[in-house]
PDB file of N, CA and C in Angstrom:
ATOM      1  N   MET A   1      -9.769 -44.946 186.928  1.00  0.00           N
ATOM      2  CA  MET A   1      -9.676 -43.498 186.991  1.00  0.00           C
ATOM      3  C   MET A   1      -9.430 -42.956 185.592  1.00  0.00           C
ATOM      4  N   ILE A   2     -10.377 -43.143 184.729  1.00  0.00           N
ATOM      5  CA  ILE A   2     -10.233 -42.656 183.353  1.00  0.00           C
ATOM      6  C   ILE A   2     -10.677 -41.203 183.300  1.00  0.00           C
ATOM      7  N   LEU A   3      -9.792 -40.356 182.824  1.00  0.00           N
ATOM      8  CA  LEU A   3     -10.105 -38.936 182.690  1.00  0.00           C
ATOM      9  C   LEU A   3     -10.860 -38.679 181.400  1.00  0.00           C
ATOM     10  N   PRO A   4     -11.795 -37.771 181.453  1.00  0.00           N
ATOM     11  CA  PRO A   4     -12.428 -37.357 180.204  1.00  0.00           C
ATOM     12  C   PRO A   4     -11.469 -36.425 179.467  1.00  0.00           C
ATOM     13  N   MET A   5     -10.645 -36.999 178.600  1.00  0.00           N
ATOM     14  CA  MET A   5      -9.566 -36.237 177.964  1.00  0.00           C
ATOM     15  C   MET A   5     -10.081 -35.081 177.121  1.00  0.00           C
ATOM     16  N   LEU A   6     -11.233 -35.233 176.520  1.00  0.00           N
ATOM     17  CA  LEU A   6     -11.746 -34.118 175.726  1.00  0.00           C
ATOM     18  C   LEU A   6     -12.028 -32.924 176.617  1.00  0.00           C
ATOM     19  N   VAL A   7     -12.510 -33.165 177.830  1.00  0.00           N
ATOM     20  CA  VAL A   7     -12.743 -32.080 178.774  1.00  0.00           C
ATOM     21  C   VAL A   7     -11.406 -31.466 179.159  1.00  0.00           C
ATOM     22  N   LEU A   8     -10.431 -32.309 179.435  1.00  0.00           N
ATOM     23  CA  LEU A   8      -9.108 -31.816 179.813  1.00  0.00           C
ATOM     24  C   LEU A   8      -8.509 -30.962 178.704  1.00  0.00           C
ATOM     25  N   LEU A   9      -8.631 -31.419 177.481  1.00  0.00           N
ATOM     26  CA  LEU A   9      -8.045 -30.687 176.370  1.00  0.00           C
ATOM     27  C   LEU A   9      -8.731 -29.347 176.129  1.00  0.00           C
ATOM     28  N   ALA A  10     -10.015 -29.255 176.457  1.00  0.00           N
ATOM     29  CA  ALA A  10     -10.765 -28.040 176.187  1.00  0.00           C
ATOM     30  C   ALA A  10     -10.792 -27.078 177.373  1.00  0.00           C
ATOM     31  N   ALA A  11     -10.455 -27.540 178.543  1.00  0.00           N
ATOM     32  CA  ALA A  11     -10.601 -26.741 179.756  1.00  0.00           C
ATOM     33  C   ALA A  11      -9.502 -25.691 179.878  1.00  0.00           C
ATOM     34  N   ASP A  12      -9.886 -24.524 180.422  1.00  0.00           N
ATOM     35  CA  ASP A  12      -8.894 -23.494 180.709  1.00  0.00           C
ATOM     36  C   ASP A  12      -8.072 -23.876 181.928  1.00  0.00           C
ATOM     37  N   ALA A  13      -8.758 -24.331 182.962  1.00  0.00           N
ATOM     38  CA  ALA A  13      -8.073 -24.738 184.186  1.00  0.00           C
ATOM     39  C   ALA A  13      -8.501 -26.161 184.511  1.00  0.00           C
ATOM     40  N   PRO A  14      -7.534 -27.080 184.623  1.00  0.00           N
ATOM     41  CA  PRO A  14      -7.897 -28.459 184.922  1.00  0.00           C
ATOM     42  C   PRO A  14      -8.460 -28.595 186.338  1.00  0.00           C
ATOM     43  N   SER A  15      -9.305 -29.597 186.511  1.00  0.00           N
ATOM     44  CA  SER A  15      -9.816 -29.898 187.846  1.00  0.00           C
ATOM     45  C   SER A  15      -8.689 -30.504 188.677  1.00  0.00           C
ATOM     46  N   LEU A  16      -8.917 -30.599 189.965  1.00  0.00           N
ATOM     47  CA  LEU A  16      -7.921 -31.213 190.842  1.00  0.00           C
ATOM     48  C   LEU A  16      -7.654 -32.648 190.408  1.00  0.00           C
ATOM     49  N   GLU A  17      -8.698 -33.396 190.086  1.00  0.00           N
ATOM     50  CA  GLU A  17      -8.516 -34.789 189.664  1.00  0.00           C
ATOM     51  C   GLU A  17      -7.687 -34.871 188.383  1.00  0.00           C
ATOM     52  N   GLU A  18      -7.979 -34.015 187.415  1.00  0.00           N
ATOM     53  CA  GLU A  18      -7.219 -34.015 186.164  1.00  0.00           C
ATOM     54  C   GLU A  18      -5.762 -33.655 186.406  1.00  0.00           C
ATOM     55  N   ALA A  19      -5.540 -32.605 187.181  1.00  0.00           N
ATOM     56  CA  ALA A  19      -4.163 -32.165 187.443  1.00  0.00           C
ATOM     57  C   ALA A  19      -3.388 -33.219 188.217  1.00  0.00           C
ATOM     58  N   ARG A  20      -4.020 -33.801 189.235  1.00  0.00           N
ATOM     59  CA  ARG A  20      -3.340 -34.821 190.043  1.00  0.00           C
ATOM     60  C   ARG A  20      -3.034 -36.056 189.192  1.00  0.00           C
ATOM     61  N   THR A  21      -3.975 -36.441 188.341  1.00  0.00           N
ATOM     62  CA  THR A  21      -3.757 -37.608 187.488  1.00  0.00           C
ATOM     63  C   THR A  21      -2.607 -37.361 186.521  1.00  0.00           C
ATOM     64  N   CYS A  22      -2.566 -36.181 185.924  1.00  0.00           N
ATOM     65  CA  CYS A  22      -1.473 -35.874 185.000  1.00  0.00           C
ATOM     66  C   CYS A  22      -0.142 -35.754 185.734  1.00  0.00           C
ATOM     67  N   GLN A  23      -0.173 -35.204 186.922  1.00  0.00           N
ATOM     68  CA  GLN A  23       1.051 -35.151 187.726  1.00  0.00           C
ATOM     69  C   GLN A  23       1.543 -36.575 187.996  1.00  0.00           C
ATOM     70  N   ALA A  24       0.630 -37.469 188.320  1.00  0.00           N
ATOM     71  CA  ALA A  24       0.989 -38.869 188.575  1.00  0.00           C
ATOM     72  C   ALA A  24       1.534 -39.531 187.312  1.00  0.00           C
ATOM     73  N   HIS A  25       0.932 -39.235 186.166  1.00  0.00           N
ATOM     74  CA  HIS A  25       1.454 -39.774 184.901  1.00  0.00           C
ATOM     75  C   HIS A  25       2.910 -39.364 184.706  1.00  0.00           C
ATOM     76  N   MET A  26       3.210 -38.107 184.973  1.00  0.00           N
ATOM     77  CA  MET A  26       4.577 -37.630 184.774  1.00  0.00           C
ATOM     78  C   MET A  26       5.543 -38.259 185.777  1.00  0.00           C
ATOM     79  N   GLU A  27       5.116 -38.430 187.009  1.00  0.00           N
ATOM     80  CA  GLU A  27       5.958 -39.090 188.018  1.00  0.00           C
ATOM     81  C   GLU A  27       6.263 -40.526 187.587  1.00  0.00           C
ATOM     82  N   ILE A  28       5.250 -41.235 187.100  1.00  0.00           N
ATOM     83  CA  ILE A  28       5.458 -42.606 186.639  1.00  0.00           C
ATOM     84  C   ILE A  28       6.407 -42.629 185.446  1.00  0.00           C
ATOM     85  N   MET A  29       6.238 -41.687 184.526  1.00  0.00           N
ATOM     86  CA  MET A  29       7.123 -41.623 183.370  1.00  0.00           C
ATOM     87  C   MET A  29       8.574 -41.427 183.806  1.00  0.00           C
ATOM     88  N   ILE A  30       8.782 -40.524 184.739  1.00  0.00           N
ATOM     89  CA  ILE A  30      10.134 -40.269 185.234  1.00  0.00           C
ATOM     90  C   ILE A  30      10.699 -41.522 185.902  1.00  0.00           C
ATOM     91  N   GLN A  31       9.904 -42.188 186.725  1.00  0.00           N
ATOM     92  CA  GLN A  31      10.359 -43.411 187.381  1.00  0.00           C
ATOM     93  C   GLN A  31      10.691 -44.499 186.362  1.00  0.00           C
ATOM     94  N   ASP A  32       9.845 -44.651 185.355  1.00  0.00           N
ATOM     95  CA  ASP A  32      10.075 -45.677 184.336  1.00  0.00           C
ATOM     96  C   ASP A  32      11.387 -45.435 183.593  1.00  0.00           C
ATOM     97  N   VAL A  33      11.612 -44.205 183.185  1.00  0.00           N
ATOM     98  CA  VAL A  33      12.839 -43.885 182.447  1.00  0.00           C
ATOM     99  C   VAL A  33      14.059 -44.090 183.345  1.00  0.00           C
ATOM    100  N   ALA A  34      13.979 -43.628 184.577  1.00  0.00           N
ATOM    101  CA  ALA A  34      15.104 -43.783 185.505  1.00  0.00           C
ATOM    102  C   ALA A  34      15.389 -45.260 185.782  1.00  0.00           C
ATOM    103  N   ARG A  35      14.347 -46.065 185.955  1.00  0.00           N
ATOM    104  CA  ARG A  35      14.516 -47.492 186.231  1.00  0.00           C
ATOM    105  C   ARG A  35      15.181 -48.195 185.054  1.00  0.00           C
ATOM    106  N   GLU A  36      14.863 -47.750 183.856  1.00  0.00           N
ATOM    107  CA  GLU A  36      15.450 -48.346 182.662  1.00  0.00           C
ATOM    108  C   GLU A  36      16.860 -47.830 182.393  1.00  0.00           C
ATOM    109  N   GLY A  37      17.330 -46.931 183.232  1.00  0.00           N
ATOM    110  CA  GLY A  37      18.681 -46.419 183.102  1.00  0.00           C
ATOM    111  C   GLY A  37      18.832 -45.302 182.101  1.00  0.00           C
ATOM    112  N   GLY A  38      17.734 -44.769 181.643  1.00  0.00           N
ATOM    113  CA  GLY A  38      17.777 -43.702 180.657  1.00  0.00           C
ATOM    114  C   GLY A  38      17.878 -42.327 181.292  1.00  0.00           C
ATOM    115  N   HIS A  39      18.125 -41.357 180.449  1.00  0.00           N
ATOM    116  CA  HIS A  39      18.200 -39.958 180.860  1.00  0.00           C
ATOM    117  C   HIS A  39      16.799 -39.366 180.772  1.00  0.00           C
ATOM    118  N   VAL A  40      16.347 -38.763 181.855  1.00  0.00           N
ATOM    119  CA  VAL A  40      15.046 -38.108 181.855  1.00  0.00           C
ATOM    120  C   VAL A  40      15.230 -36.739 181.222  1.00  0.00           C
ATOM    121  N   ALA A  41      14.597 -36.547 180.091  1.00  0.00           N
ATOM    122  CA  ALA A  41      14.766 -35.310 179.331  1.00  0.00           C
ATOM    123  C   ALA A  41      14.200 -34.109 180.082  1.00  0.00           C
ATOM    124  N   GLY A  42      14.816 -32.968 179.894  1.00  0.00           N
ATOM    125  CA  GLY A  42      14.415 -31.729 180.549  1.00  0.00           C
ATOM    126  C   GLY A  42      12.947 -31.375 180.429  1.00  0.00           C
ATOM    127  N   PRO A  43      12.358 -31.503 179.229  1.00  0.00           N
ATOM    128  CA  PRO A  43      10.943 -31.155 179.115  1.00  0.00           C
ATOM    129  C   PRO A  43      10.043 -31.960 180.056  1.00  0.00           C
ATOM    130  N   THR A  44      10.418 -33.182 180.350  1.00  0.00           N
ATOM    131  CA  THR A  44       9.618 -34.017 181.253  1.00  0.00           C
ATOM    132  C   THR A  44       9.529 -33.375 182.624  1.00  0.00           C
ATOM    133  N   TRP A  45      10.625 -32.822 183.108  1.00  0.00           N
ATOM    134  CA  TRP A  45      10.629 -32.170 184.423  1.00  0.00           C
ATOM    135  C   TRP A  45       9.750 -30.923 184.411  1.00  0.00           C
ATOM    136  N   PHE A  46       9.848 -30.143 183.335  1.00  0.00           N
ATOM    137  CA  PHE A  46       9.006 -28.948 183.219  1.00  0.00           C
ATOM    138  C   PHE A  46       7.524 -29.328 183.241  1.00  0.00           C
ATOM    139  N   ILE A  47       7.198 -30.373 182.497  1.00  0.00           N
ATOM    140  CA  ILE A  47       5.801 -30.809 182.431  1.00  0.00           C
ATOM    141  C   ILE A  47       5.347 -31.329 183.784  1.00  0.00           C
ATOM    142  N   ARG A  48       6.147 -32.131 184.460  1.00  0.00           N
ATOM    143  CA  ARG A  48       5.801 -32.634 185.785  1.00  0.00           C
ATOM    144  C   ARG A  48       5.570 -31.480 186.760  1.00  0.00           C
ATOM    145  N   ASP A  49       6.468 -30.511 186.751  1.00  0.00           N
ATOM    146  CA  ASP A  49       6.338 -29.368 187.661  1.00  0.00           C
ATOM    147  C   ASP A  49       5.115 -28.518 187.320  1.00  0.00           C
ATOM    148  N   TRP A  50       4.804 -28.382 186.037  1.00  0.00           N
ATOM    149  CA  TRP A  50       3.628 -27.623 185.626  1.00  0.00           C
ATOM    150  C   TRP A  50       2.366 -28.284 186.158  1.00  0.00           C
ATOM    151  N   TRP A  51       2.273 -29.617 186.035  1.00  0.00           N
ATOM    152  CA  TRP A  51       1.096 -30.316 186.548  1.00  0.00           C
ATOM    153  C   TRP A  51       1.025 -30.245 188.068  1.00  0.00           C
ATOM    154  N   ALA A  52       2.163 -30.280 188.747  1.00  0.00           N
ATOM    155  CA  ALA A  52       2.164 -30.136 190.206  1.00  0.00           C
ATOM    156  C   ALA A  52       1.602 -28.772 190.591  1.00  0.00           C
ATOM    157  N   LEU A  53       1.995 -27.732 189.877  1.00  0.00           N
ATOM    158  CA  LEU A  53       1.477 -26.385 190.133  1.00  0.00           C
ATOM    159  C   LEU A  53      -0.024 -26.327 189.856  1.00  0.00           C
ATOM    160  N   LYS A  54      -0.470 -26.944 188.770  1.00  0.00           N
ATOM    161  CA  LYS A  54      -1.901 -26.958 188.448  1.00  0.00           C
ATOM    162  C   LYS A  54      -2.693 -27.687 189.531  1.00  0.00           C
ATOM    163  N   ALA A  55      -2.131 -28.743 190.100  1.00  0.00           N
ATOM    164  CA  ALA A  55      -2.807 -29.453 191.190  1.00  0.00           C
ATOM    165  C   ALA A  55      -2.945 -28.548 192.410  1.00  0.00           C
ATOM    166  N   ILE A  56      -1.904 -27.819 192.733  1.00  0.00           N
ATOM    167  CA  ILE A  56      -1.948 -26.887 193.870  1.00  0.00           C
ATOM    168  C   ILE A  56      -2.966 -25.781 193.595  1.00  0.00           C
ATOM    169  N   GLU A  57      -2.945 -25.242 192.383  1.00  0.00           N
ATOM    170  CA  GLU A  57      -3.906 -24.192 192.026  1.00  0.00           C
ATOM    171  C   GLU A  57      -5.348 -24.695 192.110  1.00  0.00           C
ATOM    172  N   ALA A  58      -5.546 -25.997 191.884  1.00  0.00           N
ATOM    173  CA  ALA A  58      -6.886 -26.582 191.930  1.00  0.00           C
ATOM    174  C   ALA A  58      -7.290 -27.005 193.344  1.00  0.00           C
ATOM    175  N   GLY A  59      -6.383 -26.807 194.319  1.00  0.00           N
ATOM    176  CA  GLY A  59      -6.744 -27.088 195.699  1.00  0.00           C
ATOM    177  C   GLY A  59      -5.969 -28.174 196.404  1.00  0.00           C
ATOM    178  N   ALA A  60      -5.017 -28.795 195.748  1.00  0.00           N
ATOM    179  CA  ALA A  60      -4.226 -29.842 196.402  1.00  0.00           C
ATOM    180  C   ALA A  60      -3.241 -29.219 197.379  1.00  0.00           C
ATOM    181  N   PRO A  61      -3.051 -29.844 198.529  1.00  0.00           N
ATOM    182  CA  PRO A  61      -2.000 -29.366 199.427  1.00  0.00           C
ATOM    183  C   PRO A  61      -0.634 -29.589 198.775  1.00  0.00           C
ATOM    184  N   GLU A  62       0.314 -28.733 199.098  1.00  0.00           N
ATOM    185  CA  GLU A  62       1.632 -28.834 198.467  1.00  0.00           C
ATOM    186  C   GLU A  62       2.397 -30.090 198.864  1.00  0.00           C
ATOM    187  N   ASP A  63       2.079 -30.676 200.001  1.00  0.00           N
ATOM    188  CA  ASP A  63       2.850 -31.812 200.489  1.00  0.00           C
ATOM    189  C   ASP A  63       2.008 -33.069 200.671  1.00  0.00           C
ATOM    190  N   ASP A  64       1.019 -33.279 199.823  1.00  0.00           N
ATOM    191  CA  ASP A  64       0.123 -34.416 199.957  1.00  0.00           C
ATOM    192  C   ASP A  64       0.622 -35.595 199.131  1.00  0.00           C
ATOM    193  N   ASP A  65       1.675 -36.229 199.622  1.00  0.00           N
ATOM    194  CA  ASP A  65       2.270 -37.351 198.916  1.00  0.00           C
ATOM    195  C   ASP A  65       1.339 -38.556 198.862  1.00  0.00           C
ATOM    196  N   ALA A  66       0.474 -38.702 199.854  1.00  0.00           N
ATOM    197  CA  ALA A  66      -0.444 -39.846 199.886  1.00  0.00           C
ATOM    198  C   ALA A  66      -1.415 -39.811 198.710  1.00  0.00           C
ATOM    199  N   GLU A  67      -1.948 -38.643 198.403  1.00  0.00           N
ATOM    200  CA  GLU A  67      -2.875 -38.519 197.273  1.00  0.00           C
ATOM    201  C   GLU A  67      -2.167 -38.794 195.950  1.00  0.00           C
ATOM    202  N   LEU A  68      -0.955 -38.286 195.824  1.00  0.00           N
ATOM    203  CA  LEU A  68      -0.193 -38.530 194.600  1.00  0.00           C
ATOM    204  C   LEU A  68       0.120 -40.016 194.468  1.00  0.00           C
ATOM    205  N   ALA A  69       0.510 -40.649 195.561  1.00  0.00           N
ATOM    206  CA  ALA A  69       0.805 -42.084 195.546  1.00  0.00           C
ATOM    207  C   ALA A  69      -0.436 -42.891 195.159  1.00  0.00           C
ATOM    208  N   ALA A  70      -1.598 -42.481 195.656  1.00  0.00           N
ATOM    209  CA  ALA A  70      -2.841 -43.176 195.310  1.00  0.00           C
ATOM    210  C   ALA A  70      -3.143 -43.032 193.825  1.00  0.00           C
ATOM    211  N   ALA A  71      -2.946 -41.842 193.295  1.00  0.00           N
ATOM    212  CA  ALA A  71      -3.168 -41.620 191.864  1.00  0.00           C
ATOM    213  C   ALA A  71      -2.198 -42.462 191.038  1.00  0.00           C
ATOM    214  N   MET A  72      -0.953 -42.535 191.482  1.00  0.00           N
ATOM    215  CA  MET A  72       0.046 -43.336 190.774  1.00  0.00           C
ATOM    216  C   MET A  72      -0.313 -44.820 190.816  1.00  0.00           C
ATOM    217  N   ALA A  73      -0.818 -45.290 191.954  1.00  0.00           N
ATOM    218  CA  ALA A  73      -1.209 -46.696 192.073  1.00  0.00           C
ATOM    219  C   ALA A  73      -2.357 -47.011 191.116  1.00  0.00           C
ATOM    220  N   GLY A  74      -3.327 -46.119 191.044  1.00  0.00           N
ATOM    221  CA  GLY A  74      -4.439 -46.324 190.125  1.00  0.00           C
ATOM    222  C   GLY A  74      -3.979 -46.364 188.679  1.00  0.00           C
ATOM    223  N   LEU A  75      -3.051 -45.489 188.343  1.00  0.00           N
ATOM    224  CA  LEU A  75      -2.531 -45.476 186.977  1.00  0.00           C
ATOM    225  C   LEU A  75      -1.678 -46.704 186.692  1.00  0.00           C
ATOM    226  N   GLY A  76      -0.967 -47.175 187.714  1.00  0.00           N
ATOM    227  CA  GLY A  76      -0.182 -48.404 187.546  1.00  0.00           C
ATOM    228  C   GLY A  76      -1.080 -49.570 187.169  1.00  0.00           C
ATOM    229  N   ALA A  77      -2.227 -49.663 187.838  1.00  0.00           N
ATOM    230  CA  ALA A  77      -3.187 -50.715 187.510  1.00  0.00           C
ATOM    231  C   ALA A  77      -3.737 -50.508 186.105  1.00  0.00           C
ATOM    232  N   MET A  78      -4.037 -49.265 185.754  1.00  0.00           N
ATOM    233  CA  MET A  78      -4.556 -48.974 184.417  1.00  0.00           C
ATOM    234  C   MET A  78      -3.550 -49.346 183.340  1.00  0.00           C
ATOM    235  N   SER A  79      -2.268 -49.131 183.605  1.00  0.00           N
ATOM    236  CA  SER A  79      -1.248 -49.433 182.596  1.00  0.00           C
ATOM    237  C   SER A  79      -1.229 -50.914 182.243  1.00  0.00           C
ATOM    238  N   VAL A  80      -1.684 -51.760 183.174  1.00  0.00           N
ATOM    239  CA  VAL A  80      -1.738 -53.199 182.941  1.00  0.00           C
ATOM    240  C   VAL A  80      -3.067 -53.605 182.309  1.00  0.00           C
ATOM    241  N   THR A  81      -4.166 -53.083 182.844  1.00  0.00           N
ATOM    242  CA  THR A  81      -5.492 -53.506 182.379  1.00  0.00           C
ATOM    243  C   THR A  81      -5.963 -52.769 181.134  1.00  0.00           C
ATOM    244  N   GLU A  82      -5.538 -51.524 180.979  1.00  0.00           N
ATOM    245  CA  GLU A  82      -5.956 -50.712 179.836  1.00  0.00           C
ATOM    246  C   GLU A  82      -4.758 -49.935 179.288  1.00  0.00           C
ATOM    247  N   PRO A  83      -3.771 -50.635 178.739  1.00  0.00           N
ATOM    248  CA  PRO A  83      -2.538 -49.955 178.321  1.00  0.00           C
ATOM    249  C   PRO A  83      -2.741 -48.875 177.261  1.00  0.00           C
ATOM    250  N   GLU A  84      -3.669 -49.082 176.342  1.00  0.00           N
ATOM    251  CA  GLU A  84      -3.898 -48.071 175.308  1.00  0.00           C
ATOM    252  C   GLU A  84      -4.475 -46.799 175.913  1.00  0.00           C
ATOM    253  N   GLN A  85      -5.434 -46.950 176.826  1.00  0.00           N
ATOM    254  CA  GLN A  85      -6.019 -45.788 177.511  1.00  0.00           C
ATOM    255  C   GLN A  85      -4.949 -45.078 178.335  1.00  0.00           C
ATOM    256  N   PHE A  86      -4.116 -45.850 179.015  1.00  0.00           N
ATOM    257  CA  PHE A  86      -3.032 -45.291 179.816  1.00  0.00           C
ATOM    258  C   PHE A  86      -2.110 -44.438 178.945  1.00  0.00           C
ATOM    259  N   ARG A  87      -1.686 -44.985 177.825  1.00  0.00           N
ATOM    260  CA  ARG A  87      -0.785 -44.243 176.924  1.00  0.00           C
ATOM    261  C   ARG A  87      -1.464 -43.003 176.348  1.00  0.00           C
ATOM    262  N   ALA A  88      -2.736 -43.129 175.990  1.00  0.00           N
ATOM    263  CA  ALA A  88      -3.466 -41.984 175.431  1.00  0.00           C
ATOM    264  C   ALA A  88      -3.606 -40.876 176.469  1.00  0.00           C
ATOM    265  N   GLU A  89      -3.914 -41.245 177.697  1.00  0.00           N
ATOM    266  CA  GLU A  89      -4.034 -40.251 178.762  1.00  0.00           C
ATOM    267  C   GLU A  89      -2.710 -39.557 179.018  1.00  0.00           C
ATOM    268  N   ARG A  90      -1.645 -40.347 179.095  1.00  0.00           N
ATOM    269  CA  ARG A  90      -0.318 -39.767 179.338  1.00  0.00           C
ATOM    270  C   ARG A  90       0.030 -38.778 178.241  1.00  0.00           C
ATOM    271  N   GLN A  91      -0.203 -39.171 176.993  1.00  0.00           N
ATOM    272  CA  GLN A  91       0.118 -38.278 175.878  1.00  0.00           C
ATOM    273  C   GLN A  91      -0.719 -37.014 175.930  1.00  0.00           C
ATOM    274  N   ALA A  92      -1.995 -37.146 176.291  1.00  0.00           N
ATOM    275  CA  ALA A  92      -2.856 -35.965 176.405  1.00  0.00           C
ATOM    276  C   ALA A  92      -2.321 -35.026 177.484  1.00  0.00           C
ATOM    277  N   CYS A  93      -1.845 -35.581 178.585  1.00  0.00           N
ATOM    278  CA  CYS A  93      -1.274 -34.744 179.649  1.00  0.00           C
ATOM    279  C   CYS A  93      -0.059 -33.971 179.137  1.00  0.00           C
ATOM    280  N   VAL A  94       0.795 -34.648 178.412  1.00  0.00           N
ATOM    281  CA  VAL A  94       1.982 -34.004 177.840  1.00  0.00           C
ATOM    282  C   VAL A  94       1.563 -32.914 176.854  1.00  0.00           C
ATOM    283  N   ASP A  95       0.640 -33.240 175.968  1.00  0.00           N
ATOM    284  CA  ASP A  95       0.202 -32.290 174.939  1.00  0.00           C
ATOM    285  C   ASP A  95      -0.418 -31.040 175.546  1.00  0.00           C
ATOM    286  N   VAL A  96      -1.284 -31.226 176.537  1.00  0.00           N
ATOM    287  CA  VAL A  96      -1.943 -30.081 177.181  1.00  0.00           C
ATOM    288  C   VAL A  96      -0.907 -29.172 177.825  1.00  0.00           C
ATOM    289  N   ALA A  97       0.042 -29.752 178.533  1.00  0.00           N
ATOM    290  CA  ALA A  97       1.064 -28.950 179.212  1.00  0.00           C
ATOM    291  C   ALA A  97       1.931 -28.186 178.209  1.00  0.00           C
ATOM    292  N   ILE A  98       2.335 -28.849 177.161  1.00  0.00           N
ATOM    293  CA  ILE A  98       3.164 -28.179 176.152  1.00  0.00           C
ATOM    294  C   ILE A  98       2.376 -27.056 175.482  1.00  0.00           C
ATOM    295  N   GLU A  99       1.140 -27.341 175.127  1.00  0.00           N
ATOM    296  CA  GLU A  99       0.297 -26.319 174.476  1.00  0.00           C
ATOM    297  C   GLU A  99       0.099 -25.102 175.390  1.00  0.00           C
ATOM    298  N   ALA A 100       0.068 -25.352 176.697  1.00  0.00           N
ATOM    299  CA  ALA A 100      -0.126 -24.264 177.658  1.00  0.00           C
ATOM    300  C   ALA A 100       1.157 -23.510 177.964  1.00  0.00           C
ATOM    301  N   GLY A 101       2.279 -23.963 177.407  1.00  0.00           N
ATOM    302  CA  GLY A 101       3.531 -23.247 177.613  1.00  0.00           C
ATOM    303  C   GLY A 101       4.391 -23.759 178.753  1.00  0.00           C
ATOM    304  N   ALA A 102       4.157 -24.989 179.194  1.00  0.00           N
ATOM    305  CA  ALA A 102       4.922 -25.546 180.316  1.00  0.00           C
ATOM    306  C   ALA A 102       6.400 -25.692 180.018  1.00  0.00           C
ATOM    307  N   VAL A 103       6.724 -25.908 178.762  1.00  0.00           N
ATOM    308  CA  VAL A 103       8.115 -26.126 178.359  1.00  0.00           C
ATOM    309  C   VAL A 103       8.578 -24.930 177.531  1.00  0.00           C
ATOM    310  N   PRO A 104       9.551 -24.196 178.034  1.00  0.00           N
ATOM    311  CA  PRO A 104      10.043 -23.039 177.286  1.00  0.00           C
ATOM    312  C   PRO A 104      10.465 -23.429 175.866  1.00  0.00           C
ATOM    313  N   GLY A 105       9.962 -22.679 174.910  1.00  0.00           N
ATOM    314  CA  GLY A 105      10.323 -22.899 173.521  1.00  0.00           C
ATOM    315  C   GLY A 105       9.515 -23.976 172.816  1.00  0.00           C
ATOM    316  N   MET A 106       8.594 -24.644 173.513  1.00  0.00           N
ATOM    317  CA  MET A 106       7.829 -25.714 172.890  1.00  0.00           C
ATOM    318  C   MET A 106       6.334 -25.409 172.819  1.00  0.00           C
ATOM    319  N   GLY A 107       5.911 -24.281 173.310  1.00  0.00           N
ATOM    320  CA  GLY A 107       4.483 -23.965 173.346  1.00  0.00           C
ATOM    321  C   GLY A 107       3.995 -23.306 172.083  1.00  0.00           C
ATOM    322  N   PRO A 108       2.803 -22.796 172.156  1.00  0.00           N
ATOM    323  CA  PRO A 108       2.236 -22.102 171.000  1.00  0.00           C
ATOM    324  C   PRO A 108       3.040 -20.829 170.705  1.00  0.00           C
ATOM    325  N   GLU A 109       3.025 -20.475 169.467  1.00  0.00           N
ATOM    326  CA  GLU A 109       3.820 -19.290 169.096  1.00  0.00           C
ATOM    327  C   GLU A 109       2.943 -18.129 168.759  1.00  0.00           C
TER     328      GLU A 109
END
């Protein structure tokens, strides 16, 4: 499930697949940090919630945990087989959300 990141970076409104994939990236990031015993930083929650909203705006049901779980499973496999692509996609998701103003005080000025 490799996203065309250049399309994502240039798009005004992400597709459902892009939004769901980025939402899954953020969920995995939160789980990874929590499992390692670390503190999940505030901006991560803002970014996760922003992608969840973008998924809903793109047509995802608000309570479709099965689709999110499937996206997370696909990304879990990608993190093992294509770790560089996984990291690049995750970073692109973070960058797009911040650039769009998902995190108060961190967006464009």
